[in-house]
């Protein structure tokens, strides 16, 4: 699903990260600005390693979970969940919050090295430049489409009509998750169909003990 989000959003950096042998190691290194040898270390202020936090928080962030909900789910302080999402896809945060959370001091000096070169003060806000900014743009495009038409169509042509309140946060999260989850589920079905077709061509209709059988796929 991460790779599906990468291609749907068109974010080249995220496409590259999800093409690595270990997606979560690559994402952790990119987001936290650390070398790959350090991704197994405990992340300061978080409950697990950099890699594990990237895995759990990245998946939730891809599907537009709020910093508050992410913090509650992963047992993170709101400052840490906001920090992850800001570094991941970019965000605007009140200046006073950035100072209170010790990202910067009152004079605008960077205190947290993770924000070095990635934080711009704009009036009473700070803008954080995320590593995968097109994910946020894709989420906004989905939200706009839902509000205008109430429906989404996947790259494989599966259509879903949303009947609940179209401005509700829950509906929007469901909409953002729908296309990548549906797409990957259908791709798995296509793969299984191709395997079944190959077995048919090989004449493997009579199943003997020990033979390969296709029973079902259980994506999500």
C-alpha atoms as a PDB file:
ATOM      1  CA  UNK A   1       0.000   0.000   0.000  1.00  0.00           C
ATOM      2  CA  UNK A   2       2.899   2.376   0.668  1.00  0.00           C
ATOM      3  CA  UNK A   3       4.087   1.841  -2.883  1.00  0.00           C
ATOM      4  CA  UNK A   4       0.544   2.421  -4.113  1.00  0.00           C
ATOM      5  CA  UNK A   5       0.452   5.754  -2.272  1.00  0.00           C
ATOM      6  CA  UNK A   6       3.843   6.636  -3.744  1.00  0.00           C
ATOM      7  CA  UNK A   7       2.685   6.203  -7.337  1.00  0.00           C
ATOM      8  CA  UNK A   8      -0.758   7.718  -6.774  1.00  0.00           C
ATOM      9  CA  UNK A   9       0.837  10.833  -5.274  1.00  0.00           C
ATOM     10  CA  UNK A  10       3.650  10.957  -7.817  1.00  0.00           C
ATOM     11  CA  UNK A  11       6.175  11.805  -5.102  1.00  0.00           C
ATOM     12  CA  UNK A  12       9.530  10.818  -6.606  1.00  0.00           C
ATOM     13  CA  UNK A  13      11.332  10.688  -3.248  1.00  0.00           C
ATOM     14  CA  UNK A  14       8.657   8.390  -1.820  1.00  0.00           C
ATOM     15  CA  UNK A  15       8.652   6.215  -4.951  1.00  0.00           C
ATOM     16  CA  UNK A  16      12.394   5.778  -4.486  1.00  0.00           C
ATOM     17  CA  UNK A  17      12.021   5.014  -0.771  1.00  0.00           C
ATOM     18  CA  UNK A  18       9.319   2.398  -1.383  1.00  0.00           C
ATOM     19  CA  UNK A  19      11.448   0.737  -4.069  1.00  0.00           C
ATOM     20  CA  UNK A  20      14.172  -0.102  -1.535  1.00  0.00           C
ATOM     21  CA  UNK A  21      14.621  -3.570  -0.027  1.00  0.00           C
ATOM     22  CA  UNK A  22      13.283  -2.286   3.297  1.00  0.00           C
ATOM     23  CA  UNK A  23      10.741   0.491   2.843  1.00  0.00           C
ATOM     24  CA  UNK A  24      10.610   1.466   6.512  1.00  0.00           C
ATOM     25  CA  UNK A  25      14.385   1.750   6.875  1.00  0.00           C
ATOM     26  CA  UNK A  26      14.518   4.035   3.842  1.00  0.00           C
ATOM     27  CA  UNK A  27      11.624   6.180   5.081  1.00  0.00           C
ATOM     28  CA  UNK A  28      13.070   6.458   8.605  1.00  0.00           C
ATOM     29  CA  UNK A  29      16.430   7.603   7.240  1.00  0.00           C
ATOM     30  CA  UNK A  30      14.764  10.188   4.984  1.00  0.00           C
ATOM     31  CA  UNK A  31      12.286  11.589   7.513  1.00  0.00           C
ATOM     32  CA  UNK A  32      14.539  11.716  10.568  1.00  0.00           C
ATOM     33  CA  UNK A  33      17.649  12.711   8.601  1.00  0.00           C
ATOM     34  CA  UNK A  34      19.794   9.884   9.987  1.00  0.00           C
ATOM     35  CA  UNK A  35      22.016   7.257   8.404  1.00  0.00           C
ATOM     36  CA  UNK A  36      20.593   3.801   7.823  1.00  0.00           C
ATOM     37  CA  UNK A  37      22.830   2.207  10.419  1.00  0.00           C
ATOM     38  CA  UNK A  38      21.020   4.240  13.096  1.00  0.00           C
ATOM     39  CA  UNK A  39      17.402   3.430  12.216  1.00  0.00           C
ATOM     40  CA  UNK A  40      17.291   0.625  14.788  1.00  0.00           C
ATOM     41  CA  UNK A  41      18.153   3.051  17.610  1.00  0.00           C
ATOM     42  CA  UNK A  42      15.469   4.379  19.940  1.00  0.00           C
ATOM     43  CA  UNK A  43      13.913   7.592  18.634  1.00  0.00           C
ATOM     44  CA  UNK A  44      14.153  10.382  21.262  1.00  0.00           C
ATOM     45  CA  UNK A  45      10.781  11.164  22.815  1.00  0.00           C
ATOM     46  CA  UNK A  46       9.159   8.201  21.098  1.00  0.00           C
ATOM     47  CA  UNK A  47       8.380   4.738  22.387  1.00  0.00           C
ATOM     48  CA  UNK A  48      10.195   2.676  19.751  1.00  0.00           C
ATOM     49  CA  UNK A  49      13.032   2.711  17.223  1.00  0.00           C
ATOM     50  CA  UNK A  50      13.203   5.157  14.328  1.00  0.00           C
ATOM     51  CA  UNK A  51      12.306   2.351  11.916  1.00  0.00           C
ATOM     52  CA  UNK A  52       9.282   1.154  13.891  1.00  0.00           C
ATOM     53  CA  UNK A  53       7.984   4.693  14.332  1.00  0.00           C
ATOM     54  CA  UNK A  54       8.378   5.311  10.597  1.00  0.00           C
ATOM     55  CA  UNK A  55       6.451   2.116   9.875  1.00  0.00           C
ATOM     56  CA  UNK A  56       3.517   2.813  12.212  1.00  0.00           C
ATOM     57  CA  UNK A  57       3.315   6.579  11.855  1.00  0.00           C
ATOM     58  CA  UNK A  58       4.001   6.591   8.112  1.00  0.00           C
ATOM     59  CA  UNK A  59       1.105   4.269   7.361  1.00  0.00           C
ATOM     60  CA  UNK A  60      -1.293   6.352   9.460  1.00  0.00           C
ATOM     61  CA  UNK A  61      -0.014   9.601   7.953  1.00  0.00           C
ATOM     62  CA  UNK A  62      -0.496   8.263   4.415  1.00  0.00           C
ATOM     63  CA  UNK A  63      -4.170   7.823   5.265  1.00  0.00           C
ATOM     64  CA  UNK A  64      -4.560  11.341   6.648  1.00  0.00           C
ATOM     65  CA  UNK A  65      -4.735  10.554  10.357  1.00  0.00           C
ATOM     66  CA  UNK A  66      -4.496  13.705  12.467  1.00  0.00           C
ATOM     67  CA  UNK A  67      -1.529  14.363  14.784  1.00  0.00           C
ATOM     68  CA  UNK A  68      -3.854  13.994  17.785  1.00  0.00           C
ATOM     69  CA  UNK A  69      -5.193  10.600  16.631  1.00  0.00           C
ATOM     70  CA  UNK A  70      -1.700   9.440  15.667  1.00  0.00           C
ATOM     71  CA  UNK A  71      -0.349  10.399  19.088  1.00  0.00           C
ATOM     72  CA  UNK A  72      -3.155   8.595  20.879  1.00  0.00           C
ATOM     73  CA  UNK A  73      -2.715   5.465  18.753  1.00  0.00           C
ATOM     74  CA  UNK A  74       1.076   5.297  19.082  1.00  0.00           C
ATOM     75  CA  UNK A  75       1.288   6.724  22.618  1.00  0.00           C
ATOM     76  CA  UNK A  76       3.161   9.829  21.498  1.00  0.00           C
ATOM     77  CA  UNK A  77       3.006  13.368  22.840  1.00  0.00           C
ATOM     78  CA  UNK A  78       1.247  15.706  20.414  1.00  0.00           C
ATOM     79  CA  UNK A  79       4.589  17.442  19.828  1.00  0.00           C
ATOM     80  CA  UNK A  80       6.144  14.176  18.605  1.00  0.00           C
ATOM     81  CA  UNK A  81       3.263  13.117  16.372  1.00  0.00           C
ATOM     82  CA  UNK A  82       3.115  16.621  14.863  1.00  0.00           C
ATOM     83  CA  UNK A  83       6.883  16.569  14.362  1.00  0.00           C
ATOM     84  CA  UNK A  84       6.763  13.259  12.515  1.00  0.00           C
ATOM     85  CA  UNK A  85       3.974  14.352  10.182  1.00  0.00           C
ATOM     86  CA  UNK A  86       5.600  17.718   9.546  1.00  0.00           C
ATOM     87  CA  UNK A  87       8.914  16.109   8.629  1.00  0.00           C
ATOM     88  CA  UNK A  88       7.106  13.439   6.596  1.00  0.00           C
ATOM     89  CA  UNK A  89       4.767  15.446   4.357  1.00  0.00           C
ATOM     90  CA  UNK A  90       5.169  19.059   5.501  1.00  0.00           C
ATOM     91  CA  UNK A  91       2.968  21.224   7.715  1.00  0.00           C
ATOM     92  CA  UNK A  92       2.296  24.677   9.098  1.00  0.00           C
ATOM     93  CA  UNK A  93       2.554  24.963  12.880  1.00  0.00           C
ATOM     94  CA  UNK A  94       1.975  27.988  15.155  1.00  0.00           C
ATOM     95  CA  UNK A  95       5.254  29.689  15.981  1.00  0.00           C
ATOM     96  CA  UNK A  96       4.537  29.583  19.717  1.00  0.00           C
ATOM     97  CA  UNK A  97       4.077  25.791  19.528  1.00  0.00           C
ATOM     98  CA  UNK A  98       7.388  25.353  17.710  1.00  0.00           C
ATOM     99  CA  UNK A  99       9.087  27.379  20.468  1.00  0.00           C
ATOM    100  CA  UNK A 100       7.269  25.513  23.272  1.00  0.00           C
ATOM    101  CA  UNK A 101       8.237  22.147  21.760  1.00  0.00           C
ATOM    102  CA  UNK A 102      11.856  23.356  21.435  1.00  0.00           C
ATOM    103  CA  UNK A 103      12.056  23.025  17.675  1.00  0.00           C
ATOM    104  CA  UNK A 104      13.382  26.600  17.662  1.00  0.00           C
ATOM    105  CA  UNK A 105      14.113  29.251  20.272  1.00  0.00           C
ATOM    106  CA  UNK A 106      12.294  32.590  20.621  1.00  0.00           C
ATOM    107  CA  UNK A 107      14.790  34.185  18.235  1.00  0.00           C
ATOM    108  CA  UNK A 108      14.153  31.608  15.520  1.00  0.00           C
ATOM    109  CA  UNK A 109      17.340  29.578  15.997  1.00  0.00           C
ATOM    110  CA  UNK A 110      16.962  25.862  15.228  1.00  0.00           C
ATOM    111  CA  UNK A 111      17.217  23.771  18.408  1.00  0.00           C
ATOM    112  CA  UNK A 112      16.146  20.388  16.994  1.00  0.00           C
ATOM    113  CA  UNK A 113      18.650  19.261  14.318  1.00  0.00           C
ATOM    114  CA  UNK A 114      15.916  17.295  12.493  1.00  0.00           C
ATOM    115  CA  UNK A 115      14.540  20.663  11.290  1.00  0.00           C
ATOM    116  CA  UNK A 116      17.857  22.002   9.993  1.00  0.00           C
ATOM    117  CA  UNK A 117      17.209  23.490   6.556  1.00  0.00           C
ATOM    118  CA  UNK A 118      13.583  22.391   6.641  1.00  0.00           C
ATOM    119  CA  UNK A 119      11.832  25.077   8.696  1.00  0.00           C
ATOM    120  CA  UNK A 120      10.771  28.554   7.544  1.00  0.00           C
ATOM    121  CA  UNK A 121       9.247  31.201   9.831  1.00  0.00           C
ATOM    122  CA  UNK A 122       6.283  32.948   8.209  1.00  0.00           C
ATOM    123  CA  UNK A 123       4.708  35.533  10.524  1.00  0.00           C
ATOM    124  CA  UNK A 124       3.056  33.749  13.447  1.00  0.00           C
ATOM    125  CA  UNK A 125       3.552  30.319  11.878  1.00  0.00           C
ATOM    126  CA  UNK A 126       6.418  28.085  10.903  1.00  0.00           C
ATOM    127  CA  UNK A 127       6.312  26.072   7.693  1.00  0.00           C
ATOM    128  CA  UNK A 128       8.085  22.722   7.740  1.00  0.00           C
ATOM    129  CA  UNK A 129       9.284  21.354   4.413  1.00  0.00           C
ATOM    130  CA  UNK A 130       8.427  17.658   4.392  1.00  0.00           C
ATOM    131  CA  UNK A 131      10.424  14.932   2.675  1.00  0.00           C
ATOM    132  CA  UNK A 132       7.356  13.688   0.763  1.00  0.00           C
ATOM    133  CA  UNK A 133       5.266  16.816   0.074  1.00  0.00           C
ATOM    134  CA  UNK A 134       3.251  15.365  -2.807  1.00  0.00           C
ATOM    135  CA  UNK A 135       1.524  12.975  -0.409  1.00  0.00           C
ATOM    136  CA  UNK A 136      -0.182  15.996   1.172  1.00  0.00           C
ATOM    137  CA  UNK A 137      -1.077  17.333  -2.294  1.00  0.00           C
ATOM    138  CA  UNK A 138      -2.604  13.974  -3.261  1.00  0.00           C
ATOM    139  CA  UNK A 139      -4.635  13.878  -0.028  1.00  0.00           C
ATOM    140  CA  UNK A 140      -5.938  17.379  -0.730  1.00  0.00           C
ATOM    141  CA  UNK A 141      -6.878  16.356  -4.289  1.00  0.00           C
ATOM    142  CA  UNK A 142      -8.832  13.357  -2.949  1.00  0.00           C
ATOM    143  CA  UNK A 143     -10.617  15.584  -0.451  1.00  0.00           C
ATOM    144  CA  UNK A 144     -11.533  18.044  -3.227  1.00  0.00           C
ATOM    145  CA  UNK A 145     -12.822  15.240  -5.475  1.00  0.00           C
ATOM    146  CA  UNK A 146     -14.969  13.810  -2.689  1.00  0.00           C
ATOM    147  CA  UNK A 147     -16.521  17.160  -1.852  1.00  0.00           C
ATOM    148  CA  UNK A 148     -17.282  17.901  -5.521  1.00  0.00           C
ATOM    149  CA  UNK A 149     -18.502  14.505  -6.792  1.00  0.00           C
ATOM    150  CA  UNK A 150     -18.891  12.190  -3.792  1.00  0.00           C
ATOM    151  CA  UNK A 151     -17.106   9.371  -5.618  1.00  0.00           C
ATOM    152  CA  UNK A 152     -13.665   8.002  -6.467  1.00  0.00           C
ATOM    153  CA  UNK A 153     -12.418   5.703  -9.230  1.00  0.00           C
ATOM    154  CA  UNK A 154      -9.268   3.596  -8.882  1.00  0.00           C
ATOM    155  CA  UNK A 155      -6.675   3.162 -11.680  1.00  0.00           C
ATOM    156  CA  UNK A 156      -8.235  -0.258 -12.344  1.00  0.00           C
ATOM    157  CA  UNK A 157     -11.693   1.252 -12.765  1.00  0.00           C
ATOM    158  CA  UNK A 158     -13.316   0.296  -9.479  1.00  0.00           C
ATOM    159  CA  UNK A 159     -15.738   3.034  -8.457  1.00  0.00           C
ATOM    160  CA  UNK A 160     -17.009   3.887  -5.006  1.00  0.00           C
ATOM    161  CA  UNK A 161     -19.772   6.310  -4.135  1.00  0.00           C
ATOM    162  CA  UNK A 162     -19.557   7.894  -0.678  1.00  0.00           C
ATOM    163  CA  UNK A 163     -22.974   8.472   0.885  1.00  0.00           C
ATOM    164  CA  UNK A 164     -22.021   9.837   4.289  1.00  0.00           C
ATOM    165  CA  UNK A 165     -21.446  13.516   5.065  1.00  0.00           C
ATOM    166  CA  UNK A 166     -18.728  14.454   2.559  1.00  0.00           C
ATOM    167  CA  UNK A 167     -17.066  17.045   4.788  1.00  0.00           C
ATOM    168  CA  UNK A 168     -16.789  14.702   7.775  1.00  0.00           C
ATOM    169  CA  UNK A 169     -13.207  13.831   8.798  1.00  0.00           C
ATOM    170  CA  UNK A 170     -14.048  10.133   8.988  1.00  0.00           C
ATOM    171  CA  UNK A 171     -15.427  10.141   5.443  1.00  0.00           C
ATOM    172  CA  UNK A 172     -12.342  11.931   4.145  1.00  0.00           C
ATOM    173  CA  UNK A 173     -10.004   9.431   5.829  1.00  0.00           C
ATOM    174  CA  UNK A 174     -12.005   6.559   4.324  1.00  0.00           C
ATOM    175  CA  UNK A 175     -11.757   8.219   0.915  1.00  0.00           C
ATOM    176  CA  UNK A 176      -7.994   8.716   1.149  1.00  0.00           C
ATOM    177  CA  UNK A 177      -7.531   5.077   2.150  1.00  0.00           C
ATOM    178  CA  UNK A 178      -9.942   3.680  -0.443  1.00  0.00           C
ATOM    179  CA  UNK A 179      -7.934   4.007  -3.652  1.00  0.00           C
ATOM    180  CA  UNK A 180      -4.589   2.533  -2.493  1.00  0.00           C
ATOM    181  CA  UNK A 181      -6.240  -0.243  -0.474  1.00  0.00           C
ATOM    182  CA  UNK A 182      -8.622  -1.154  -3.300  1.00  0.00           C
ATOM    183  CA  UNK A 183      -5.830  -0.930  -5.869  1.00  0.00           C
ATOM    184  CA  UNK A 184      -3.507  -3.286  -3.995  1.00  0.00           C
ATOM    185  CA  UNK A 185      -6.334  -5.714  -3.259  1.00  0.00           C
ATOM    186  CA  UNK A 186      -7.212  -5.844  -6.964  1.00  0.00           C
ATOM    187  CA  UNK A 187      -3.574  -6.196  -8.019  1.00  0.00           C
ATOM    188  CA  UNK A 188      -3.281  -9.230  -5.745  1.00  0.00           C
ATOM    189  CA  UNK A 189      -6.414 -10.656  -7.346  1.00  0.00           C
ATOM    190  CA  UNK A 190      -4.941 -10.086 -10.812  1.00  0.00           C
ATOM    191  CA  UNK A 191      -1.757 -11.862  -9.721  1.00  0.00           C
ATOM    192  CA  UNK A 192      -3.703 -14.822  -8.373  1.00  0.00           C
ATOM    193  CA  UNK A 193      -5.757 -14.991 -11.587  1.00  0.00           C
ATOM    194  CA  UNK A 194      -2.567 -15.089 -13.652  1.00  0.00           C
ATOM    195  CA  UNK A 195      -1.189 -17.915 -11.518  1.00  0.00           C
ATOM    196  CA  UNK A 196      -4.479 -19.803 -11.870  1.00  0.00           C
ATOM    197  CA  UNK A 197      -4.361 -19.255 -15.645  1.00  0.00           C
ATOM    198  CA  UNK A 198      -0.816 -20.641 -15.799  1.00  0.00           C
ATOM    199  CA  UNK A 199      -1.912 -23.708 -13.842  1.00  0.00           C
ATOM    200  CA  UNK A 200      -4.809 -24.165 -16.248  1.00  0.00           C
ATOM    201  CA  UNK A 201      -2.445 -23.959 -19.232  1.00  0.00           C
ATOM    202  CA  UNK A 202      -0.214 -26.569 -17.586  1.00  0.00           C
ATOM    203  CA  UNK A 203      -3.203 -28.868 -17.238  1.00  0.00           C
ATOM    204  CA  UNK A 204      -3.096 -28.774 -13.442  1.00  0.00           C
ATOM    205  CA  UNK A 205      -6.828 -29.315 -13.043  1.00  0.00           C
ATOM    206  CA  UNK A 206      -6.646 -32.458 -10.981  1.00  0.00           C
ATOM    207  CA  UNK A 207      -5.218 -31.594  -7.567  1.00  0.00           C
ATOM    208  CA  UNK A 208      -2.921 -34.203  -6.056  1.00  0.00           C
ATOM    209  CA  UNK A 209      -1.622 -34.170  -2.446  1.00  0.00           C
ATOM    210  CA  UNK A 210       1.192 -31.634  -2.211  1.00  0.00           C
ATOM    211  CA  UNK A 211       0.105 -29.714  -5.328  1.00  0.00           C
ATOM    212  CA  UNK A 212      -0.251 -25.933  -5.360  1.00  0.00           C
ATOM    213  CA  UNK A 213      -3.800 -24.768  -4.764  1.00  0.00           C
ATOM    214  CA  UNK A 214      -5.201 -21.238  -4.891  1.00  0.00           C
ATOM    215  CA  UNK A 215      -7.726 -20.839  -2.104  1.00  0.00           C
ATOM    216  CA  UNK A 216      -8.191 -17.107  -1.462  1.00  0.00           C
ATOM    217  CA  UNK A 217      -6.337 -13.874  -0.841  1.00  0.00           C
ATOM    218  CA  UNK A 218      -6.719 -12.126   2.489  1.00  0.00           C
ATOM    219  CA  UNK A 219      -5.426  -8.599   1.888  1.00  0.00           C
ATOM    220  CA  UNK A 220      -6.558  -6.567   4.939  1.00  0.00           C
END
